[in-house]
Amino acid sequence: IDRWNNAKRWLIGAQLALAGALLAASVLASAWAVQPMILLLVGMAFMAATNDIALDTYYMRALAKPQQARFTGARVMAYRAALVAGNGGLVVLAGVAGWSVALGVGAVALLASATLHRIYLAPDPPGEARGLPLRETVVSFFQRPGIALALAFIVLFKAGDALMFAMNAPLLRELGLQTAERGFYYGTLGTGASVAGSILGGVLAARGLERWLTPVAVVQSLAILLYAALAALRPSLPVIASVIVVEQLVAGVGSSVFVVFILRLCDGPHKATHFSFGTAIMSLAVTGAGTVSGFLLQRIGFTGFFLLAFAASLPGVLLAPLVSRDRGGPRQLA
């Protein structure tokens, strides 16, 4: 995307490819063709990642740095709404009408998205890195001042949250919330709170990432203790609902501020590559948490697990003021 064509064409092409893949998946689902479906899903993961980076690149090219921060709340809000539509609406539809229908509806939605983007998005300039050596594209990211601390922060900022998110649904089930209740309190109230938090996080980041990065990291870390308290005390339903809303509000704020931090590391002719590096490194914590969370829970139980998640969040809290002060971090770029 940095080196060939522009982001608008990449995102439209990726969405059209995903629409075609989903149509193929709907056919395979009706035939229960498991092995071809697995291969198709792997290919779709690459298409979806390309779409994500193309969208992020368009965002960075279309908006100046202050605008990027100002609209990050809306951007994260839209992302969370898409998660609700995909993980909620399409799954419900699959339960009612079958996976073939649900996947077909997803294909139509992506086709509509590609069409609307084709009509309404203004063309962005082509990639600035065309003609530059590939080695320069890669090395330039890791040669930024203060990049070692910034990368450590990217890995660790969401480590505690990643552990908590991996096991909060099992905890709610353990506390007696049935599927419909979890869908309402976490899926509806929680999502609403996270949307509000996303907007608030964008406002805070626009007012000064250096000022707000550390307080947000502290509050995000402390919010994990709310789930440890739920596991230990097993309170009434109103208290559980209140904890869900507060934690999701804080998570929304943290997500918006964190996205702005990564955006501030991406500049020059290699924006797309640098952002893809940052988000890929960020996913290491989430992937690692998903891998080990079940084993840890079996060994130490819910209360110990969420206390461990809180402990895992502390290195990110300690790094936040350091990357805020670093010359290559948010101070220079904010």
C-alpha atoms as a PDB file:
ATOM      1  CA  ILE A   1       0.000   0.000   0.000  1.00  0.00           C
ATOM      2  CA  ASP A   2       2.943   2.303   0.655  1.00  0.00           C
ATOM      3  CA  ARG A   3       4.621   1.353  -2.605  1.00  0.00           C
ATOM      4  CA  TRP A   4       1.863   0.633  -5.149  1.00  0.00           C
ATOM      5  CA  ASN A   5      -1.296   2.540  -6.016  1.00  0.00           C
ATOM      6  CA  ASN A   6      -3.407   4.364  -3.420  1.00  0.00           C
ATOM      7  CA  ALA A   7      -5.248   3.274  -0.264  1.00  0.00           C
ATOM      8  CA  LYS A   8      -8.725   3.831  -1.724  1.00  0.00           C
ATOM      9  CA  ARG A   9      -8.155   1.273  -4.477  1.00  0.00           C
ATOM     10  CA  TRP A  10      -6.596  -1.179  -2.038  1.00  0.00           C
ATOM     11  CA  LEU A  11      -9.520  -1.031   0.405  1.00  0.00           C
ATOM     12  CA  ILE A  12     -12.137  -1.331  -2.352  1.00  0.00           C
ATOM     13  CA  GLY A  13     -10.283  -4.264  -3.880  1.00  0.00           C
ATOM     14  CA  ALA A  14      -9.911  -5.985  -0.500  1.00  0.00           C
ATOM     15  CA  GLN A  15     -13.619  -5.574   0.259  1.00  0.00           C
ATOM     16  CA  LEU A  16     -14.628  -6.950  -3.134  1.00  0.00           C
ATOM     17  CA  ALA A  17     -12.297  -9.918  -2.606  1.00  0.00           C
ATOM     18  CA  LEU A  18     -13.776 -10.511   0.857  1.00  0.00           C
ATOM     19  CA  ALA A  19     -17.316 -10.326  -0.542  1.00  0.00           C
ATOM     20  CA  GLY A  20     -16.444 -12.990  -3.111  1.00  0.00           C
ATOM     21  CA  ALA A  21     -14.794 -15.140  -0.459  1.00  0.00           C
ATOM     22  CA  LEU A  22     -17.838 -14.893   1.799  1.00  0.00           C
ATOM     23  CA  LEU A  23     -20.100 -15.966  -1.067  1.00  0.00           C
ATOM     24  CA  ALA A  24     -17.830 -18.970  -1.594  1.00  0.00           C
ATOM     25  CA  ALA A  25     -17.939 -19.664   2.143  1.00  0.00           C
ATOM     26  CA  SER A  26     -21.732 -19.629   2.110  1.00  0.00           C
ATOM     27  CA  VAL A  27     -21.669 -22.367  -0.537  1.00  0.00           C
ATOM     28  CA  LEU A  28     -19.110 -24.400   1.412  1.00  0.00           C
ATOM     29  CA  ALA A  29     -21.132 -23.995   4.610  1.00  0.00           C
ATOM     30  CA  SER A  30     -24.202 -25.501   2.995  1.00  0.00           C
ATOM     31  CA  ALA A  31     -22.078 -28.447   1.816  1.00  0.00           C
ATOM     32  CA  TRP A  32     -20.279 -28.858   5.178  1.00  0.00           C
ATOM     33  CA  ALA A  33     -16.945 -28.837   3.319  1.00  0.00           C
ATOM     34  CA  VAL A  34     -14.690 -28.381   6.351  1.00  0.00           C
ATOM     35  CA  GLN A  35     -11.195 -28.562   4.854  1.00  0.00           C
ATOM     36  CA  PRO A  36     -11.891 -26.164   1.944  1.00  0.00           C
ATOM     37  CA  MET A  37     -13.575 -23.827   4.422  1.00  0.00           C
ATOM     38  CA  ILE A  38     -10.447 -23.780   6.624  1.00  0.00           C
ATOM     39  CA  LEU A  39      -8.264 -22.881   3.650  1.00  0.00           C
ATOM     40  CA  LEU A  40     -10.715 -20.190   2.585  1.00  0.00           C
ATOM     41  CA  LEU A  41     -10.777 -18.694   6.092  1.00  0.00           C
ATOM     42  CA  VAL A  42      -6.976 -18.478   6.120  1.00  0.00           C
ATOM     43  CA  GLY A  43      -7.083 -16.595   2.827  1.00  0.00           C
ATOM     44  CA  MET A  44      -9.821 -14.321   4.170  1.00  0.00           C
ATOM     45  CA  ALA A  45      -7.627 -13.462   7.146  1.00  0.00           C
ATOM     46  CA  PHE A  46      -5.023 -12.037   4.753  1.00  0.00           C
ATOM     47  CA  MET A  47      -7.719 -10.163   2.819  1.00  0.00           C
ATOM     48  CA  ALA A  48      -9.174  -8.728   6.032  1.00  0.00           C
ATOM     49  CA  ALA A  49      -5.736  -7.636   7.267  1.00  0.00           C
ATOM     50  CA  THR A  50      -5.108  -5.898   3.935  1.00  0.00           C
ATOM     51  CA  ASN A  51      -8.467  -4.152   4.223  1.00  0.00           C
ATOM     52  CA  ASP A  52      -7.643  -3.011   7.766  1.00  0.00           C
ATOM     53  CA  ILE A  53      -4.291  -1.527   6.785  1.00  0.00           C
ATOM     54  CA  ALA A  54      -5.743   0.117   3.665  1.00  0.00           C
ATOM     55  CA  LEU A  55      -8.452   1.769   5.766  1.00  0.00           C
ATOM     56  CA  ASP A  56      -5.900   2.916   8.349  1.00  0.00           C
ATOM     57  CA  THR A  57      -3.632   4.261   5.606  1.00  0.00           C
ATOM     58  CA  TYR A  58      -6.483   6.201   4.002  1.00  0.00           C
ATOM     59  CA  TYR A  59      -7.283   7.658   7.429  1.00  0.00           C
ATOM     60  CA  MET A  60      -3.665   8.764   7.932  1.00  0.00           C
ATOM     61  CA  ARG A  61      -3.324  10.235   4.449  1.00  0.00           C
ATOM     62  CA  ALA A  62      -6.665  12.039   4.485  1.00  0.00           C
ATOM     63  CA  LEU A  63      -6.286  13.674   7.908  1.00  0.00           C
ATOM     64  CA  ALA A  64      -3.572  15.772   9.520  1.00  0.00           C
ATOM     65  CA  LYS A  65      -2.192  14.679  12.916  1.00  0.00           C
ATOM     66  CA  PRO A  66      -4.578  16.846  15.025  1.00  0.00           C
ATOM     67  CA  GLN A  67      -7.572  15.601  13.025  1.00  0.00           C
ATOM     68  CA  GLN A  68      -6.441  12.005  13.427  1.00  0.00           C
ATOM     69  CA  ALA A  69      -6.586  12.380  17.196  1.00  0.00           C
ATOM     70  CA  ARG A  70      -9.878  14.291  17.102  1.00  0.00           C
ATOM     71  CA  PHE A  71     -11.678  11.634  15.049  1.00  0.00           C
ATOM     72  CA  THR A  72     -10.104   8.558  16.652  1.00  0.00           C
ATOM     73  CA  GLY A  73     -13.030   8.237  19.075  1.00  0.00           C
ATOM     74  CA  ALA A  74     -15.481   8.022  16.182  1.00  0.00           C
ATOM     75  CA  ARG A  75     -13.164   5.597  14.399  1.00  0.00           C
ATOM     76  CA  VAL A  76     -12.904   3.227  17.367  1.00  0.00           C
ATOM     77  CA  MET A  77     -16.654   3.571  17.948  1.00  0.00           C
ATOM     78  CA  ALA A  78     -17.330   2.470  14.367  1.00  0.00           C
ATOM     79  CA  TYR A  79     -14.967  -0.475  14.802  1.00  0.00           C
ATOM     80  CA  ARG A  80     -16.798  -1.612  17.938  1.00  0.00           C
ATOM     81  CA  ALA A  81     -20.157  -1.222  16.197  1.00  0.00           C
ATOM     82  CA  ALA A  82     -18.830  -3.452  13.412  1.00  0.00           C
ATOM     83  CA  LEU A  83     -17.816  -6.054  16.004  1.00  0.00           C
ATOM     84  CA  VAL A  84     -21.338  -6.026  17.409  1.00  0.00           C
ATOM     85  CA  ALA A  85     -22.800  -6.427  13.908  1.00  0.00           C
ATOM     86  CA  GLY A  86     -20.438  -9.270  13.004  1.00  0.00           C
ATOM     87  CA  ASN A  87     -20.075 -11.126  16.297  1.00  0.00           C
ATOM     88  CA  GLY A  88     -23.646 -10.445  17.329  1.00  0.00           C
ATOM     89  CA  GLY A  89     -26.021  -9.767  14.463  1.00  0.00           C
ATOM     90  CA  LEU A  90     -24.613 -12.217  11.916  1.00  0.00           C
ATOM     91  CA  VAL A  91     -24.200 -14.939  14.535  1.00  0.00           C
ATOM     92  CA  VAL A  92     -27.824 -14.499  15.629  1.00  0.00           C
ATOM     93  CA  LEU A  93     -28.870 -14.664  11.989  1.00  0.00           C
ATOM     94  CA  ALA A  94     -26.826 -17.846  11.583  1.00  0.00           C
ATOM     95  CA  GLY A  95     -28.646 -19.365  14.531  1.00  0.00           C
ATOM     96  CA  VAL A  96     -32.020 -18.510  12.999  1.00  0.00           C
ATOM     97  CA  ALA A  97     -31.457 -19.040   9.271  1.00  0.00           C
ATOM     98  CA  GLY A  98     -28.188 -20.980   9.039  1.00  0.00           C
ATOM     99  CA  TRP A  99     -24.598 -20.076   8.291  1.00  0.00           C
ATOM    100  CA  SER A 100     -25.076 -20.012   4.517  1.00  0.00           C
ATOM    101  CA  VAL A 101     -27.584 -17.178   4.819  1.00  0.00           C
ATOM    102  CA  ALA A 102     -25.506 -15.292   7.397  1.00  0.00           C
ATOM    103  CA  LEU A 103     -22.350 -15.493   5.285  1.00  0.00           C
ATOM    104  CA  GLY A 104     -24.309 -14.397   2.215  1.00  0.00           C
ATOM    105  CA  VAL A 105     -25.626 -11.363   4.089  1.00  0.00           C
ATOM    106  CA  GLY A 106     -22.064 -10.546   5.126  1.00  0.00           C
ATOM    107  CA  ALA A 107     -20.989 -10.716   1.481  1.00  0.00           C
ATOM    108  CA  VAL A 108     -23.761  -8.321   0.458  1.00  0.00           C
ATOM    109  CA  ALA A 109     -22.764  -5.920   3.257  1.00  0.00           C
ATOM    110  CA  LEU A 110     -19.145  -5.889   2.072  1.00  0.00           C
ATOM    111  CA  LEU A 111     -20.210  -5.397  -1.531  1.00  0.00           C
ATOM    112  CA  ALA A 112     -22.347  -2.430  -0.446  1.00  0.00           C
ATOM    113  CA  SER A 113     -19.411  -1.062   1.562  1.00  0.00           C
ATOM    114  CA  ALA A 114     -17.066  -1.290  -1.437  1.00  0.00           C
ATOM    115  CA  THR A 115     -19.656   0.429  -3.643  1.00  0.00           C
ATOM    116  CA  LEU A 116     -20.197   3.288  -1.200  1.00  0.00           C
ATOM    117  CA  HIS A 117     -16.454   3.754  -0.776  1.00  0.00           C
ATOM    118  CA  ARG A 118     -16.050   3.841  -4.543  1.00  0.00           C
ATOM    119  CA  ILE A 119     -18.659   6.577  -4.856  1.00  0.00           C
ATOM    120  CA  TYR A 120     -18.068   8.766  -1.821  1.00  0.00           C
ATOM    121  CA  LEU A 121     -14.397   8.511  -0.821  1.00  0.00           C
ATOM    122  CA  ALA A 122     -12.145  11.117  -2.392  1.00  0.00           C
ATOM    123  CA  PRO A 123      -9.018   9.640  -4.015  1.00  0.00           C
ATOM    124  CA  ASP A 124      -5.968   9.749  -1.779  1.00  0.00           C
ATOM    125  CA  PRO A 125      -2.447  10.304  -3.125  1.00  0.00           C
ATOM    126  CA  PRO A 126      -0.531   7.196  -4.219  1.00  0.00           C
ATOM    127  CA  GLY A 127       2.012   5.595  -1.914  1.00  0.00           C
ATOM    128  CA  GLU A 128       5.002   7.812  -1.248  1.00  0.00           C
ATOM    129  CA  ALA A 129       7.461   4.916  -0.862  1.00  0.00           C
ATOM    130  CA  ARG A 130       7.345   3.797  -4.476  1.00  0.00           C
ATOM    131  CA  GLY A 131      10.866   3.577  -5.861  1.00  0.00           C
ATOM    132  CA  LEU A 132      12.465   3.588  -2.403  1.00  0.00           C
ATOM    133  CA  PRO A 133      14.492   0.513  -1.365  1.00  0.00           C
ATOM    134  CA  LEU A 134      12.397  -2.026   0.547  1.00  0.00           C
ATOM    135  CA  ARG A 135      15.081  -2.172   3.224  1.00  0.00           C
ATOM    136  CA  GLU A 136      14.561   1.538   3.908  1.00  0.00           C
ATOM    137  CA  THR A 137      10.842   0.988   4.385  1.00  0.00           C
ATOM    138  CA  VAL A 138      11.462  -1.644   7.060  1.00  0.00           C
ATOM    139  CA  VAL A 139      14.509  -0.200   8.788  1.00  0.00           C
ATOM    140  CA  SER A 140      13.151   3.358   9.032  1.00  0.00           C
ATOM    141  CA  PHE A 141      10.558   2.272  11.602  1.00  0.00           C
ATOM    142  CA  PHE A 142      13.082   0.657  13.914  1.00  0.00           C
ATOM    143  CA  GLN A 143      15.492   3.589  13.631  1.00  0.00           C
ATOM    144  CA  ARG A 144      13.074   6.117  15.092  1.00  0.00           C
ATOM    145  CA  PRO A 145      14.307   7.805  18.301  1.00  0.00           C
ATOM    146  CA  GLY A 146      12.991   6.015  21.381  1.00  0.00           C
ATOM    147  CA  ILE A 147      11.504   3.143  19.365  1.00  0.00           C
ATOM    148  CA  ALA A 148      12.658   0.451  21.831  1.00  0.00           C
ATOM    149  CA  LEU A 149      10.609   1.932  24.671  1.00  0.00           C
ATOM    150  CA  ALA A 150       7.702   2.607  22.313  1.00  0.00           C
ATOM    151  CA  LEU A 151       7.644  -1.026  21.120  1.00  0.00           C
ATOM    152  CA  ALA A 152       7.808  -2.321  24.691  1.00  0.00           C
ATOM    153  CA  PHE A 153       4.894  -0.067  25.566  1.00  0.00           C
ATOM    154  CA  ILE A 154       2.871  -1.278  22.564  1.00  0.00           C
ATOM    155  CA  VAL A 155       3.320  -4.891  23.677  1.00  0.00           C
ATOM    156  CA  LEU A 156       2.622  -4.270  27.367  1.00  0.00           C
ATOM    157  CA  PHE A 157      -0.047  -1.546  27.434  1.00  0.00           C
ATOM    158  CA  LYS A 158      -2.880  -3.983  26.697  1.00  0.00           C
ATOM    159  CA  ALA A 159      -1.339  -7.106  28.284  1.00  0.00           C
ATOM    160  CA  GLY A 160      -3.507  -7.009  31.396  1.00  0.00           C
ATOM    161  CA  ASP A 161      -6.639  -6.109  29.466  1.00  0.00           C
ATOM    162  CA  ALA A 162      -5.968  -8.936  27.019  1.00  0.00           C
ATOM    163  CA  LEU A 163      -5.886 -11.479  29.847  1.00  0.00           C
ATOM    164  CA  MET A 164      -9.023 -10.008  31.395  1.00  0.00           C
ATOM    165  CA  PHE A 165     -10.978 -10.004  28.136  1.00  0.00           C
ATOM    166  CA  ALA A 166     -10.008 -13.630  27.505  1.00  0.00           C
ATOM    167  CA  MET A 167     -11.817 -14.793  30.654  1.00  0.00           C
ATOM    168  CA  ASN A 168     -14.430 -12.192  31.546  1.00  0.00           C
ATOM    169  CA  ALA A 169     -17.226 -14.059  29.739  1.00  0.00           C
ATOM    170  CA  PRO A 170     -16.520 -17.337  31.626  1.00  0.00           C
ATOM    171  CA  LEU A 171     -16.559 -15.348  34.870  1.00  0.00           C
ATOM    172  CA  LEU A 172     -19.935 -13.819  34.070  1.00  0.00           C
ATOM    173  CA  ARG A 173     -21.248 -17.294  33.277  1.00  0.00           C
ATOM    174  CA  GLU A 174     -19.812 -18.538  36.572  1.00  0.00           C
ATOM    175  CA  LEU A 175     -21.613 -15.711  38.372  1.00  0.00           C
ATOM    176  CA  GLY A 176     -24.927 -16.975  36.995  1.00  0.00           C
ATOM    177  CA  LEU A 177     -25.540 -14.752  33.984  1.00  0.00           C
ATOM    178  CA  GLN A 178     -27.212 -16.706  31.218  1.00  0.00           C
ATOM    179  CA  THR A 179     -26.528 -16.113  27.539  1.00  0.00           C
ATOM    180  CA  ALA A 180     -29.336 -13.588  27.100  1.00  0.00           C
ATOM    181  CA  GLU A 181     -28.269 -11.687  30.215  1.00  0.00           C
ATOM    182  CA  ARG A 182     -24.645 -11.593  29.119  1.00  0.00           C
ATOM    183  CA  GLY A 183     -25.772 -10.390  25.714  1.00  0.00           C
ATOM    184  CA  PHE A 184     -27.764  -7.555  27.275  1.00  0.00           C
ATOM    185  CA  TYR A 185     -25.382  -6.412  30.002  1.00  0.00           C
ATOM    186  CA  TYR A 186     -22.100  -6.952  28.178  1.00  0.00           C
ATOM    187  CA  GLY A 187     -23.215  -6.765  24.559  1.00  0.00           C
ATOM    188  CA  THR A 188     -25.694  -3.870  24.871  1.00  0.00           C
ATOM    189  CA  LEU A 189     -24.874  -1.845  27.982  1.00  0.00           C
ATOM    190  CA  GLY A 190     -21.182  -2.658  27.786  1.00  0.00           C
ATOM    191  CA  THR A 191     -20.939  -1.786  24.103  1.00  0.00           C
ATOM    192  CA  GLY A 192     -22.756   1.488  24.699  1.00  0.00           C
ATOM    193  CA  ALA A 193     -20.290   2.339  27.465  1.00  0.00           C
ATOM    194  CA  SER A 194     -17.313   1.413  25.271  1.00  0.00           C
ATOM    195  CA  VAL A 195     -18.632   3.655  22.489  1.00  0.00           C
ATOM    196  CA  ALA A 196     -18.894   6.558  24.950  1.00  0.00           C
ATOM    197  CA  GLY A 197     -15.398   5.747  26.201  1.00  0.00           C
ATOM    198  CA  SER A 198     -14.030   5.685  22.662  1.00  0.00           C
ATOM    199  CA  ILE A 199     -15.347   9.181  22.010  1.00  0.00           C
ATOM    200  CA  LEU A 200     -14.000  10.429  25.345  1.00  0.00           C
ATOM    201  CA  GLY A 201     -10.611   8.864  24.609  1.00  0.00           C
ATOM    202  CA  GLY A 202     -10.449  10.649  21.273  1.00  0.00           C
ATOM    203  CA  VAL A 203     -11.221  13.958  22.982  1.00  0.00           C
ATOM    204  CA  LEU A 204      -8.509  13.398  25.597  1.00  0.00           C
ATOM    205  CA  ALA A 205      -5.922  12.391  22.995  1.00  0.00           C
ATOM    206  CA  ALA A 206      -6.726  15.475  20.924  1.00  0.00           C
ATOM    207  CA  ARG A 207      -6.164  17.670  23.983  1.00  0.00           C
ATOM    208  CA  GLY A 208      -2.693  16.265  24.568  1.00  0.00           C
ATOM    209  CA  LEU A 209      -1.530  12.670  24.422  1.00  0.00           C
ATOM    210  CA  GLU A 210       1.464  13.436  26.632  1.00  0.00           C
ATOM    211  CA  ARG A 211      -0.799  14.698  29.409  1.00  0.00           C
ATOM    212  CA  TRP A 212      -3.336  11.862  29.305  1.00  0.00           C
ATOM    213  CA  LEU A 213      -1.409   8.719  28.382  1.00  0.00           C
ATOM    214  CA  THR A 214      -0.244   7.906  31.929  1.00  0.00           C
ATOM    215  CA  PRO A 215      -3.566   8.642  33.709  1.00  0.00           C
ATOM    216  CA  VAL A 216      -5.419   6.489  31.180  1.00  0.00           C
ATOM    217  CA  ALA A 217      -2.924   3.645  31.678  1.00  0.00           C
ATOM    218  CA  VAL A 218      -3.396   3.861  35.462  1.00  0.00           C
ATOM    219  CA  VAL A 219      -7.206   3.848  35.308  1.00  0.00           C
ATOM    220  CA  GLN A 220      -7.216   1.025  32.751  1.00  0.00           C
ATOM    221  CA  SER A 221      -5.029  -1.045  35.069  1.00  0.00           C
ATOM    222  CA  LEU A 222      -7.196  -0.368  38.128  1.00  0.00           C
ATOM    223  CA  ALA A 223     -10.338  -1.358  36.216  1.00  0.00           C
ATOM    224  CA  ILE A 224      -9.023  -4.935  36.059  1.00  0.00           C
ATOM    225  CA  LEU A 225      -9.321  -5.112  39.849  1.00  0.00           C
ATOM    226  CA  LEU A 226     -13.082  -4.706  39.454  1.00  0.00           C
ATOM    227  CA  TYR A 227     -13.231  -8.168  37.882  1.00  0.00           C
ATOM    228  CA  ALA A 228     -11.025  -9.558  40.648  1.00  0.00           C
ATOM    229  CA  ALA A 229     -13.553  -8.131  43.118  1.00  0.00           C
ATOM    230  CA  LEU A 230     -16.434  -9.730  41.196  1.00  0.00           C
ATOM    231  CA  ALA A 231     -14.693 -13.101  41.324  1.00  0.00           C
ATOM    232  CA  ALA A 232     -13.942 -12.813  45.041  1.00  0.00           C
ATOM    233  CA  LEU A 233     -17.181 -11.270  46.322  1.00  0.00           C
ATOM    234  CA  ARG A 234     -19.788 -12.599  43.838  1.00  0.00           C
ATOM    235  CA  PRO A 235     -22.108  -9.597  44.295  1.00  0.00           C
ATOM    236  CA  SER A 236     -25.656  -8.979  43.131  1.00  0.00           C
ATOM    237  CA  LEU A 237     -26.651  -8.430  39.519  1.00  0.00           C
ATOM    238  CA  PRO A 238     -26.828  -4.585  39.716  1.00  0.00           C
ATOM    239  CA  VAL A 239     -23.247  -4.491  40.985  1.00  0.00           C
ATOM    240  CA  ILE A 240     -22.096  -6.855  38.216  1.00  0.00           C
ATOM    241  CA  ALA A 241     -23.824  -4.690  35.608  1.00  0.00           C
ATOM    242  CA  SER A 242     -22.195  -1.556  37.037  1.00  0.00           C
ATOM    243  CA  VAL A 243     -18.743  -3.157  36.868  1.00  0.00           C
ATOM    244  CA  ILE A 244     -19.307  -4.164  33.241  1.00  0.00           C
ATOM    245  CA  VAL A 245     -20.331  -0.636  32.268  1.00  0.00           C
ATOM    246  CA  VAL A 246     -17.417   1.035  34.091  1.00  0.00           C
ATOM    247  CA  GLU A 247     -14.829  -1.407  32.752  1.00  0.00           C
ATOM    248  CA  GLN A 248     -16.084  -1.077  29.170  1.00  0.00           C
ATOM    249  CA  LEU A 249     -16.107   2.706  29.444  1.00  0.00           C
ATOM    250  CA  VAL A 250     -12.472   2.641  30.591  1.00  0.00           C
ATOM    251  CA  ALA A 251     -11.541   0.117  27.867  1.00  0.00           C
ATOM    252  CA  GLY A 252     -13.010   2.415  25.212  1.00  0.00           C
ATOM    253  CA  VAL A 253     -10.957   5.348  26.483  1.00  0.00           C
ATOM    254  CA  GLY A 254      -7.805   3.212  26.548  1.00  0.00           C
ATOM    255  CA  SER A 255      -8.343   1.903  23.025  1.00  0.00           C
ATOM    256  CA  SER A 256      -8.724   5.372  21.509  1.00  0.00           C
ATOM    257  CA  VAL A 257      -5.682   6.795  23.296  1.00  0.00           C
ATOM    258  CA  PHE A 258      -3.619   3.745  22.356  1.00  0.00           C
ATOM    259  CA  VAL A 259      -4.538   4.010  18.668  1.00  0.00           C
ATOM    260  CA  VAL A 260      -3.451   7.658  18.669  1.00  0.00           C
ATOM    261  CA  PHE A 261      -0.130   6.660  20.269  1.00  0.00           C
ATOM    262  CA  ILE A 262       0.543   4.182  17.450  1.00  0.00           C
ATOM    263  CA  LEU A 263      -0.569   6.696  14.824  1.00  0.00           C
ATOM    264  CA  ARG A 264       1.962   9.191  16.162  1.00  0.00           C
ATOM    265  CA  LEU A 265       4.749   6.704  15.426  1.00  0.00           C
ATOM    266  CA  CYS A 266       3.765   6.598  11.738  1.00  0.00           C
ATOM    267  CA  ASP A 267       5.039   9.361   9.526  1.00  0.00           C
ATOM    268  CA  GLY A 268       6.735  10.059   6.227  1.00  0.00           C
ATOM    269  CA  PRO A 269       6.505   7.882   3.106  1.00  0.00           C
ATOM    270  CA  HIS A 270       6.117   4.613   5.060  1.00  0.00           C
ATOM    271  CA  LYS A 271       2.886   5.285   6.988  1.00  0.00           C
ATOM    272  CA  ALA A 272       1.127   2.045   6.077  1.00  0.00           C
ATOM    273  CA  THR A 273       4.128  -0.175   6.799  1.00  0.00           C
ATOM    274  CA  HIS A 274       4.848   1.519  10.113  1.00  0.00           C
ATOM    275  CA  PHE A 275       1.220   1.269  11.237  1.00  0.00           C
ATOM    276  CA  SER A 276       1.089  -2.389  10.250  1.00  0.00           C
ATOM    277  CA  PHE A 277       4.221  -3.021  12.326  1.00  0.00           C
ATOM    278  CA  GLY A 278       2.686  -1.253  15.322  1.00  0.00           C
ATOM    279  CA  THR A 279      -0.652  -3.049  15.190  1.00  0.00           C
ATOM    280  CA  ALA A 280       0.980  -6.437  14.565  1.00  0.00           C
ATOM    281  CA  ILE A 281       3.204  -6.001  17.606  1.00  0.00           C
ATOM    282  CA  MET A 282       0.165  -4.913  19.620  1.00  0.00           C
ATOM    283  CA  SER A 283      -1.567  -8.185  18.739  1.00  0.00           C
ATOM    284  CA  LEU A 284       1.229 -10.200  20.360  1.00  0.00           C
ATOM    285  CA  ALA A 285      -0.195  -9.508  23.828  1.00  0.00           C
ATOM    286  CA  VAL A 286      -3.706 -10.484  22.744  1.00  0.00           C
ATOM    287  CA  THR A 287      -2.510 -13.687  21.058  1.00  0.00           C
ATOM    288  CA  GLY A 288      -0.347 -14.651  24.012  1.00  0.00           C
ATOM    289  CA  ALA A 289      -3.174 -13.994  26.473  1.00  0.00           C
ATOM    290  CA  GLY A 290      -5.584 -16.147  24.505  1.00  0.00           C
ATOM    291  CA  THR A 291      -3.046 -18.953  24.425  1.00  0.00           C
ATOM    292  CA  VAL A 292      -2.279 -19.163  28.151  1.00  0.00           C
ATOM    293  CA  SER A 293      -5.435 -17.820  29.818  1.00  0.00           C
ATOM    294  CA  GLY A 294      -7.289 -21.129  30.026  1.00  0.00           C
ATOM    295  CA  PHE A 295      -4.325 -22.956  31.545  1.00  0.00           C
ATOM    296  CA  LEU A 296      -3.775 -20.177  34.091  1.00  0.00           C
ATOM    297  CA  LEU A 297      -7.434 -20.111  35.077  1.00  0.00           C
ATOM    298  CA  GLN A 298      -7.441 -23.844  35.750  1.00  0.00           C
ATOM    299  CA  ARG A 299      -4.443 -23.496  38.051  1.00  0.00           C
ATOM    300  CA  ILE A 300      -5.251 -20.387  40.088  1.00  0.00           C
ATOM    301  CA  GLY A 301      -8.997 -19.777  39.769  1.00  0.00           C
ATOM    302  CA  PHE A 302     -10.873 -16.624  38.788  1.00  0.00           C
ATOM    303  CA  THR A 303      -9.735 -14.322  41.614  1.00  0.00           C
ATOM    304  CA  GLY A 304      -6.076 -15.227  41.226  1.00  0.00           C
ATOM    305  CA  PHE A 305      -6.351 -14.970  37.446  1.00  0.00           C
ATOM    306  CA  PHE A 306      -7.674 -11.404  37.466  1.00  0.00           C
ATOM    307  CA  LEU A 307      -5.109 -10.372  40.081  1.00  0.00           C
ATOM    308  CA  LEU A 308      -2.470 -11.791  37.741  1.00  0.00           C
ATOM    309  CA  ALA A 309      -4.014  -9.784  34.876  1.00  0.00           C
ATOM    310  CA  PHE A 310      -3.697  -6.665  37.041  1.00  0.00           C
ATOM    311  CA  ALA A 311      -0.036  -7.467  37.680  1.00  0.00           C
ATOM    312  CA  ALA A 312       0.498  -7.952  33.927  1.00  0.00           C
ATOM    313  CA  SER A 313      -0.836  -4.435  33.334  1.00  0.00           C
ATOM    314  CA  LEU A 314       1.675  -2.735  35.653  1.00  0.00           C
ATOM    315  CA  PRO A 315       4.697  -2.740  33.278  1.00  0.00           C
ATOM    316  CA  GLY A 316       2.615  -0.781  30.762  1.00  0.00           C
ATOM    317  CA  VAL A 317       1.677   1.707  33.473  1.00  0.00           C
ATOM    318  CA  LEU A 318       5.340   2.167  34.404  1.00  0.00           C
ATOM    319  CA  LEU A 319       6.344   2.665  30.765  1.00  0.00           C
ATOM    320  CA  ALA A 320       3.614   5.234  30.018  1.00  0.00           C
ATOM    321  CA  PRO A 321       5.409   8.266  31.549  1.00  0.00           C
ATOM    322  CA  LEU A 322       8.682   7.186  29.935  1.00  0.00           C
ATOM    323  CA  VAL A 323       7.295   7.059  26.397  1.00  0.00           C
ATOM    324  CA  SER A 324       5.441  10.312  27.068  1.00  0.00           C
ATOM    325  CA  ARG A 325       8.726  12.028  27.880  1.00  0.00           C
ATOM    326  CA  ASP A 326      10.790  10.328  25.156  1.00  0.00           C
ATOM    327  CA  ARG A 327      11.860  12.589  22.304  1.00  0.00           C
ATOM    328  CA  GLY A 328      10.659  10.116  19.672  1.00  0.00           C
ATOM    329  CA  GLY A 329       7.347   9.456  21.385  1.00  0.00           C
ATOM    330  CA  PRO A 330       4.172  11.429  21.841  1.00  0.00           C
ATOM    331  CA  ARG A 331       5.900  14.613  23.092  1.00  0.00           C
ATOM    332  CA  GLN A 332       7.508  15.278  19.721  1.00  0.00           C
ATOM    333  CA  LEU A 333       4.579  14.151  17.626  1.00  0.00           C
ATOM    334  CA  ALA A 334       1.613  15.458  19.578  1.00  0.00           C
END
